[in-house]
Amino acid sequence: MRYIVLWAGLLLSCQAEKEFEGTYTDFEDVNFVTLTNESTDGGSQIAYLKNGYSANEARFCFCDQSCSRNTVEVAELQFNEGTTQFRYKVHPSDGWTLKSSTDWCTKYD
C-alpha cells in the first residue's frame, strides 16, 4: 500500500505545472522594439515600429556596416520587460503575435 501511495505522489508531482521563474511584469505599449544579433555574417537587425514611427527615430544596438536591417510596421506593439517578450498586431483586428528578445541586444521605447 505504501508503494502505491508513493507511486501516485510521484505521478502527481510530475504533472504539476512549472512556475514562472522570471520577474513578471505587464506588457506596456511601446513605439518600437529593435533587435540586434551580431553572431551571423556581420549581424542582423530587426525593428518593429508602430505605424507612423520611423526607423530614424528608433534606437539600435551597435552592428557593423555589413549588418542587414529589416523593419516591420505594426498597428500595436507591447513589451514585457520582466520576461523580455514582446507582442504585436500588424492590423488592429489581428490576434497578438508573441516573440522573445532573448539572445538579442534589445532596445525599446
Protein backbone atom coordinates (compact mmCIF):
# COMPACT_ATOMS: atom_id res chain seq x y z
CA MET A 1 0.00 0.00 0.00
CA ARG A 2 2.84 2.37 0.87
CA TYR A 3 4.35 1.89 -2.61
CA ILE A 4 1.04 2.72 -4.29
CA VAL A 5 0.79 6.00 -2.37
CA LEU A 6 4.43 6.82 -3.16
CA TRP A 7 3.94 5.99 -6.85
CA ALA A 8 0.73 8.10 -7.03
CA GLY A 9 2.50 11.02 -5.34
CA LEU A 10 5.36 10.79 -7.82
CA LEU A 11 2.96 10.85 -10.77
CA LEU A 12 1.13 13.89 -9.42
CA SER A 13 4.34 15.81 -8.78
CA CYS A 14 5.50 15.19 -12.37
CA GLN A 15 2.25 16.57 -13.73
CA ALA A 16 2.37 19.83 -11.74
CA GLU A 17 2.74 22.98 -13.82
CA LYS A 18 6.11 24.68 -13.71
CA GLU A 19 6.07 28.08 -12.09
CA PHE A 20 7.37 31.12 -13.94
CA GLU A 21 10.92 31.75 -12.73
CA GLY A 22 11.42 35.30 -14.07
CA THR A 23 10.13 38.59 -12.76
CA TYR A 24 6.70 39.05 -14.27
CA THR A 25 5.54 42.48 -15.34
CA ASP A 26 2.66 43.54 -17.53
CA PHE A 27 3.01 44.28 -21.22
CA GLU A 28 3.37 48.02 -21.84
CA ASP A 29 2.66 49.94 -25.04
CA VAL A 30 5.85 51.00 -26.84
CA ASN A 31 6.68 52.78 -30.11
CA PHE A 32 9.46 50.45 -31.22
CA VAL A 33 11.37 47.29 -30.35
CA THR A 34 14.75 46.84 -32.04
CA LEU A 35 16.71 43.60 -32.01
CA THR A 36 20.38 43.18 -32.94
CA ASN A 37 22.25 39.90 -33.34
CA GLU A 38 25.93 40.14 -34.27
CA SER A 39 26.63 36.42 -34.35
CA THR A 40 25.85 35.65 -38.01
CA ASP A 41 27.54 37.04 -41.15
CA GLY A 42 28.17 40.55 -39.81
CA GLY A 43 24.94 40.64 -37.88
CA SER A 44 21.32 41.48 -38.43
CA GLN A 45 18.83 43.93 -37.02
CA ILE A 46 15.06 43.84 -36.93
CA ALA A 47 12.92 46.83 -35.99
CA TYR A 48 9.25 46.50 -35.05
CA LEU A 49 7.83 50.00 -35.47
CA LYS A 50 4.39 51.30 -34.59
CA ASN A 51 2.57 52.92 -37.52
CA GLY A 52 3.82 56.47 -38.01
CA TYR A 53 7.16 55.81 -36.30
CA SER A 54 10.30 55.78 -38.48
CA ALA A 55 13.48 53.73 -38.21
CA ASN A 56 15.40 57.02 -37.83
CA GLU A 57 13.55 57.65 -34.54
CA ALA A 58 14.31 54.17 -33.15
CA ARG A 59 17.45 53.29 -31.19
CA PHE A 60 19.52 50.29 -32.27
CA CYS A 61 22.39 48.41 -30.64
CA PHE A 62 25.73 48.67 -32.46
CA CYS A 63 26.14 46.49 -35.54
CA ASP A 64 28.95 46.67 -38.14
CA GLN A 65 28.45 48.08 -41.63
CA SER A 66 27.70 44.71 -43.25
CA CYS A 67 24.80 44.24 -40.85
CA SER A 68 21.40 43.79 -42.52
CA ARG A 69 18.32 45.65 -41.26
CA ASN A 70 14.66 44.76 -41.69
CA THR A 71 11.68 46.74 -40.46
CA VAL A 72 8.20 45.53 -39.64
CA GLU A 73 5.43 48.13 -39.40
CA VAL A 74 2.74 47.21 -36.88
CA ALA A 75 -0.54 48.68 -35.63
CA GLU A 76 0.01 47.77 -31.95
CA LEU A 77 3.22 46.94 -30.10
CA GLN A 78 3.85 45.99 -26.47
CA PHE A 79 6.93 44.93 -24.49
CA ASN A 80 7.20 42.96 -21.23
CA GLU A 81 10.44 43.94 -19.52
CA GLY A 82 10.18 41.18 -16.92
CA THR A 83 10.06 38.37 -19.47
CA THR A 84 11.86 40.02 -22.45
CA GLN A 85 8.87 39.15 -24.60
CA PHE A 86 7.06 41.48 -26.93
CA ARG A 87 3.89 41.18 -28.91
CA TYR A 88 2.40 42.97 -31.87
CA LYS A 89 -0.57 43.19 -34.22
CA VAL A 90 0.05 44.05 -37.86
CA HIS A 91 -3.59 45.13 -38.20
CA PRO A 92 -5.79 46.22 -35.25
CA SER A 93 -8.18 43.30 -35.89
CA ASP A 94 -5.37 40.67 -35.80
CA GLY A 95 -4.58 38.50 -32.81
CA TRP A 96 -1.34 39.11 -30.91
CA THR A 97 1.90 37.63 -32.30
CA LEU A 98 4.27 36.86 -29.42
CA LYS A 99 8.07 37.00 -29.82
CA SER A 100 11.04 36.77 -27.47
CA SER A 101 14.02 39.10 -27.46
CA THR A 102 16.19 36.64 -25.55
CA ASP A 103 19.70 36.35 -27.03
CA TRP A 104 19.31 39.67 -28.90
CA CYS A 105 20.54 43.10 -27.91
CA THR A 106 17.19 44.84 -27.41
CA LYS A 107 16.16 48.49 -27.28
CA TYR A 108 12.58 49.68 -26.88
CA ASP A 109 10.64 52.81 -26.12
